[in-house]
């Protein structure tokens, strides 16, 4: 059981990527190594079997297995084409289902992708049943945890002025607005938290900014406060661009809820006490 947990939390989660639209994916070349396939040609056969299974299941093969070929420079000055794919979770699941069952990591991969797929199905179904207030509370909890984790990473790369660091991210996402600008625009009272006064959609926008900034700081080995701030703003800009491309509402144009989450939490606590 401990080995299964180790693979679940490390082997497959660590090679998971999130694109600018919030979609998760895995690179086939990275999955090949995780599944302990030494030769690409052998792993490519597994991918072809998975593609056939995908087609037989009436899923779009080209949507599940997106070509992501790369080029690599050769010692003689030439260029070599390297075949790769961006795989969604279902594609990964089909690959491990068609993998070499003698490998223990294949069985662990089958467990991981089956469980994660089921969790996502349950989450999507249950989340849609939540009221807007419940969605806000849920997303606020995630942003709180996300900011805590981001702060730890930012501290490790040299950030000391956290107001400056977080404002860089807000500027990117909110077209130049700082936290104080957002505070004033929302008409909040002294010491109110701007995140407590966002709807679920705006919180999701900020959560994506937070998660992707942490990932980029670690992935690109960013060092120094100034570089961390530049990175945070860049990610904010990327998220803003993704919202625009998707036809979404810019975060500064989203309505501010009538009640803050502090008020809602206080009312719920009082209600429980009265019962």
Protein backbone atom coordinates (compact mmCIF):
# COMPACT_ATOMS: atom_id res chain seq x y z
CA UNK A 1 0.00 0.00 0.00
CA UNK A 2 2.84 2.42 0.81
CA UNK A 3 4.35 1.77 -2.62
CA UNK A 4 1.02 2.48 -4.32
CA UNK A 5 0.71 5.73 -2.39
CA UNK A 6 4.27 6.70 -3.34
CA UNK A 7 3.59 6.15 -7.03
CA UNK A 8 0.25 7.94 -6.87
CA UNK A 9 1.60 11.06 -5.25
CA UNK A 10 5.01 11.17 -6.91
CA UNK A 11 5.45 9.24 -10.11
CA UNK A 12 2.35 10.39 -11.98
CA UNK A 13 1.46 13.66 -10.23
CA UNK A 14 4.96 15.06 -10.65
CA UNK A 15 4.82 14.71 -14.44
CA UNK A 16 1.32 16.13 -14.76
CA UNK A 17 1.08 19.47 -16.57
CA UNK A 18 -1.67 22.10 -16.74
CA UNK A 19 -2.16 24.18 -19.88
CA UNK A 20 -3.27 27.82 -20.07
CA UNK A 21 -6.91 26.74 -20.14
CA UNK A 22 -6.68 24.68 -16.97
CA UNK A 23 -6.61 21.30 -18.74
CA UNK A 24 -4.28 18.64 -17.36
CA UNK A 25 -2.06 16.54 -19.60
CA UNK A 26 0.96 14.24 -19.57
CA UNK A 27 3.79 14.00 -22.11
CA UNK A 28 4.19 10.51 -23.55
CA UNK A 29 7.99 10.68 -23.28
CA UNK A 30 7.76 11.45 -19.55
CA UNK A 31 5.13 8.76 -19.02
CA UNK A 32 7.40 6.31 -20.84
CA UNK A 33 10.10 6.81 -18.21
CA UNK A 34 7.60 6.69 -15.34
CA UNK A 35 6.31 3.35 -16.63
CA UNK A 36 9.88 2.04 -16.89
CA UNK A 37 9.99 1.59 -20.67
CA UNK A 38 13.61 1.96 -21.76
CA UNK A 39 12.97 1.98 -25.52
CA UNK A 40 10.56 4.38 -27.21
CA UNK A 41 9.76 1.90 -30.00
CA UNK A 42 8.30 -0.56 -27.49
CA UNK A 43 6.33 2.16 -25.74
CA UNK A 44 5.11 3.43 -29.12
CA UNK A 45 3.48 0.04 -29.71
CA UNK A 46 1.57 0.42 -26.45
CA UNK A 47 0.43 3.89 -27.54
CA UNK A 48 -0.87 2.48 -30.84
CA UNK A 49 -2.87 -0.17 -28.98
CA UNK A 50 -4.24 2.55 -26.69
CA UNK A 51 -5.23 4.63 -29.73
CA UNK A 52 -7.15 1.68 -31.17
CA UNK A 53 -8.94 1.17 -27.85
CA UNK A 54 -9.74 4.89 -27.77
CA UNK A 55 -11.24 4.75 -31.25
CA UNK A 56 -13.25 1.64 -30.37
CA UNK A 57 -14.64 3.50 -27.36
CA UNK A 58 -15.93 6.25 -29.70
CA UNK A 59 -13.57 8.88 -28.25
CA UNK A 60 -11.72 11.34 -30.49
CA UNK A 61 -8.22 9.86 -30.82
CA UNK A 62 -6.72 13.18 -31.97
CA UNK A 63 -8.19 14.94 -28.94
CA UNK A 64 -6.86 12.37 -26.46
CA UNK A 65 -3.48 11.88 -28.16
CA UNK A 66 -2.30 15.30 -29.33
CA UNK A 67 0.90 15.28 -31.40
CA UNK A 68 3.64 17.28 -29.68
CA UNK A 69 6.72 16.42 -31.73
CA UNK A 70 9.99 18.14 -30.86
CA UNK A 71 13.33 18.62 -32.58
CA UNK A 72 16.74 17.90 -31.10
CA UNK A 73 20.11 19.13 -32.39
CA UNK A 74 22.56 16.44 -33.48
CA UNK A 75 26.35 16.55 -32.87
CA UNK A 76 26.96 16.94 -36.62
CA UNK A 77 24.79 20.04 -36.75
CA UNK A 78 21.72 18.29 -38.06
CA UNK A 79 18.29 18.14 -36.47
CA UNK A 80 16.48 15.04 -35.28
CA UNK A 81 12.69 14.82 -34.99
CA UNK A 82 11.46 13.36 -31.69
CA UNK A 83 7.92 12.00 -31.65
CA UNK A 84 5.87 12.90 -28.58
CA UNK A 85 2.24 13.28 -27.53
CA UNK A 86 0.25 15.37 -25.07
CA UNK A 87 -2.04 12.86 -23.39
CA UNK A 88 -5.21 13.51 -21.42
CA UNK A 89 -6.08 11.35 -18.42
CA UNK A 90 -8.16 8.93 -20.48
CA UNK A 91 -5.29 8.39 -22.93
CA UNK A 92 -2.96 7.63 -20.01
CA UNK A 93 -5.51 5.21 -18.61
CA UNK A 94 -5.71 3.35 -21.94
CA UNK A 95 -1.91 3.23 -22.18
CA UNK A 96 -1.50 1.61 -18.76
CA UNK A 97 -4.36 -0.75 -19.58
CA UNK A 98 -2.38 -1.91 -22.62
CA UNK A 99 1.03 -1.88 -20.94
CA UNK A 100 3.27 -4.74 -19.85
CA UNK A 101 1.45 -6.20 -16.85
CA UNK A 102 4.67 -7.82 -15.65
CA UNK A 103 5.80 -4.36 -14.59
CA UNK A 104 4.49 -3.53 -11.13
CA UNK A 105 4.38 0.16 -12.00
CA UNK A 106 1.84 -0.64 -14.74
CA UNK A 107 -0.57 -2.08 -12.18
CA UNK A 108 0.02 0.95 -9.99
CA UNK A 109 -0.61 3.23 -12.98
CA UNK A 110 -3.87 1.42 -13.71
CA UNK A 111 -4.97 2.04 -10.13
CA UNK A 112 -3.90 5.68 -10.20
CA UNK A 113 -5.57 6.70 -13.46
CA UNK A 114 -8.73 4.70 -12.74
CA UNK A 115 -9.11 6.28 -9.30
CA UNK A 116 -8.28 9.80 -10.50
CA UNK A 117 -10.72 9.51 -13.40
CA UNK A 118 -13.46 8.38 -11.04
CA UNK A 119 -12.66 11.15 -8.55
CA UNK A 120 -12.92 13.75 -11.30
CA UNK A 121 -16.27 12.38 -12.44
CA UNK A 122 -17.63 12.49 -8.88
CA UNK A 123 -16.21 15.96 -8.23
CA UNK A 124 -17.68 17.43 -11.43
CA UNK A 125 -21.08 15.92 -10.68
CA UNK A 126 -21.17 17.04 -7.05
CA UNK A 127 -19.64 20.47 -7.64
CA UNK A 128 -22.41 21.42 -10.04
CA UNK A 129 -24.94 20.70 -7.31
CA UNK A 130 -23.39 23.27 -4.97
CA UNK A 131 -24.95 26.68 -4.48
CA UNK A 132 -22.91 29.75 -5.46
CA UNK A 133 -22.11 30.39 -1.79
CA UNK A 134 -20.90 26.82 -1.36
CA UNK A 135 -18.78 27.08 -4.50
CA UNK A 136 -17.28 30.30 -3.15
CA UNK A 137 -16.43 28.67 0.17
CA UNK A 138 -14.89 25.69 -1.60
CA UNK A 139 -12.79 27.79 -3.99
CA UNK A 140 -11.75 30.19 -1.23
CA UNK A 141 -10.40 27.27 0.77
CA UNK A 142 -8.38 26.16 -2.25
CA UNK A 143 -6.97 29.66 -2.82
CA UNK A 144 -6.05 29.89 0.85
CA UNK A 145 -4.11 26.62 0.65
CA UNK A 146 -2.66 27.61 -2.72
CA UNK A 147 -1.37 30.95 -1.44
CA UNK A 148 0.21 29.26 1.57
CA UNK A 149 2.05 26.82 -0.69
CA UNK A 150 3.03 29.60 -3.12
CA UNK A 151 4.42 31.70 -0.28
CA UNK A 152 6.65 28.83 0.84
CA UNK A 153 8.06 28.41 -2.67
CA UNK A 154 8.45 32.18 -3.13
CA UNK A 155 10.32 32.42 0.18
CA UNK A 156 12.69 29.67 -0.94
CA UNK A 157 13.55 31.51 -4.16
CA UNK A 158 14.34 34.74 -2.30
CA UNK A 159 11.10 36.71 -1.97
CA UNK A 160 10.99 38.93 1.11
CA UNK A 161 8.49 41.62 0.08
CA UNK A 162 5.35 39.50 -0.31
CA UNK A 163 3.09 42.50 -0.97
CA UNK A 164 5.21 43.32 -4.01
CA UNK A 165 5.22 39.68 -5.11
CA UNK A 166 1.44 39.22 -4.87
CA UNK A 167 0.74 42.60 -6.44
CA UNK A 168 2.79 41.51 -9.45
CA UNK A 169 0.40 38.62 -9.97
CA UNK A 170 -2.68 40.80 -9.54
CA UNK A 171 -1.29 43.34 -12.02
CA UNK A 172 -0.93 40.65 -14.64
CA UNK A 173 -4.39 39.20 -14.10
CA UNK A 174 -6.24 42.49 -13.49
CA UNK A 175 -4.74 44.62 -16.26
CA UNK A 176 -2.43 46.61 -13.98
CA UNK A 177 -4.54 46.72 -10.81
CA UNK A 178 -2.85 46.07 -7.46
CA UNK A 179 -4.55 44.47 -4.47
CA UNK A 180 -5.29 47.96 -3.14
CA UNK A 181 -6.85 48.99 -6.47
CA UNK A 182 -9.09 45.92 -6.39
CA UNK A 183 -9.98 46.67 -2.77
CA UNK A 184 -11.06 50.21 -3.63
CA UNK A 185 -12.93 49.21 -6.78
CA UNK A 186 -14.95 46.67 -4.82
CA UNK A 187 -15.74 49.32 -2.19
CA UNK A 188 -14.59 47.16 0.69
CA UNK A 189 -14.31 48.21 4.30
CA UNK A 190 -11.09 48.48 6.30
CA UNK A 191 -9.21 45.17 6.62
CA UNK A 192 -11.64 43.21 4.45
CA UNK A 193 -9.96 40.56 2.31
CA UNK A 194 -10.44 40.93 -1.44
CA UNK A 195 -10.51 37.14 -1.93
CA UNK A 196 -13.36 36.88 0.59
CA UNK A 197 -15.31 39.25 -1.64
CA UNK A 198 -15.02 37.38 -4.92
CA UNK A 199 -17.52 35.12 -6.65
CA UNK A 200 -16.61 31.52 -7.50
CA UNK A 201 -15.56 32.39 -11.07
CA UNK A 202 -13.18 35.12 -9.96
CA UNK A 203 -11.74 32.84 -7.28
CA UNK A 204 -11.10 30.15 -9.90
CA UNK A 205 -9.24 32.71 -12.05
CA UNK A 206 -7.01 33.57 -9.11
CA UNK A 207 -6.51 29.94 -8.10
CA UNK A 208 -5.23 29.15 -11.59
CA UNK A 209 -2.82 32.11 -11.34
CA UNK A 210 -1.59 30.91 -7.95
CA UNK A 211 -1.09 27.26 -8.93
CA UNK A 212 0.61 28.05 -12.24
CA UNK A 213 2.96 30.59 -10.65
CA UNK A 214 4.11 28.06 -8.07
CA UNK A 215 4.65 25.46 -10.78
CA UNK A 216 6.63 27.87 -12.98
CA UNK A 217 8.83 29.06 -10.11
CA UNK A 218 9.80 25.46 -9.41
CA UNK A 219 9.94 24.22 -13.00
CA UNK A 220 12.09 27.11 -14.30
CA UNK A 221 14.30 27.26 -11.18
CA UNK A 222 13.56 30.96 -10.73
CA UNK A 223 15.91 32.75 -8.32
CA UNK A 224 15.61 36.17 -6.69
CA UNK A 225 12.70 38.38 -5.69
CA UNK A 226 12.71 40.46 -8.85
CA UNK A 227 12.60 37.42 -11.14
CA UNK A 228 9.86 35.87 -9.00
CA UNK A 229 7.76 39.03 -9.36
CA UNK A 230 8.31 39.08 -13.13
CA UNK A 231 7.25 35.44 -13.29
CA UNK A 232 4.12 36.08 -11.23
CA UNK A 233 3.08 38.94 -13.48
CA UNK A 234 3.77 36.89 -16.61
CA UNK A 235 1.55 34.08 -15.35
CA UNK A 236 -1.17 36.59 -14.47
CA UNK A 237 -0.99 37.90 -18.05
CA UNK A 238 -1.19 34.37 -19.45
CA UNK A 239 -4.30 33.57 -17.38
CA UNK A 240 -5.90 36.85 -18.48
CA UNK A 241 -5.16 36.04 -22.12
CA UNK A 242 -6.66 32.56 -21.71
CA UNK A 243 -9.87 34.05 -20.26
CA UNK A 244 -10.12 36.43 -23.20
CA UNK A 245 -9.48 33.70 -25.77
CA UNK A 246 -12.15 31.53 -24.15
CA UNK A 247 -14.65 34.39 -24.38
CA UNK A 248 -14.84 34.75 -20.61
CA UNK A 249 -15.44 37.83 -18.47
CA UNK A 250 -12.38 39.74 -17.33
CA UNK A 251 -11.95 39.37 -13.56
CA UNK A 252 -12.32 43.12 -12.91
CA UNK A 253 -15.70 43.03 -14.68
CA UNK A 254 -17.12 40.21 -12.56
CA UNK A 255 -19.67 41.32 -9.94
CA UNK A 256 -18.70 41.59 -6.29
CA UNK A 257 -20.98 39.40 -4.12
CA UNK A 258 -23.29 41.22 -1.72
CA UNK A 259 -21.95 39.29 1.26
CA UNK A 260 -18.34 38.47 2.09
CA UNK A 261 -17.35 34.92 2.91
CA UNK A 262 -16.50 36.05 6.45
CA UNK A 263 -20.12 37.06 6.90
CA UNK A 264 -21.38 33.78 5.45
CA UNK A 265 -19.05 31.71 7.64
CA UNK A 266 -20.07 33.69 10.72
CA UNK A 267 -23.77 33.21 9.97
CA UNK A 268 -23.29 29.49 9.45
CA UNK A 269 -21.38 29.18 12.71
CA UNK A 270 -24.09 31.07 14.62
CA UNK A 271 -26.73 28.87 13.04
CA UNK A 272 -24.95 25.75 14.25
CA UNK A 273 -24.62 27.18 17.77
CA UNK A 274 -28.35 27.96 17.89
CA UNK A 275 -29.17 24.38 16.92
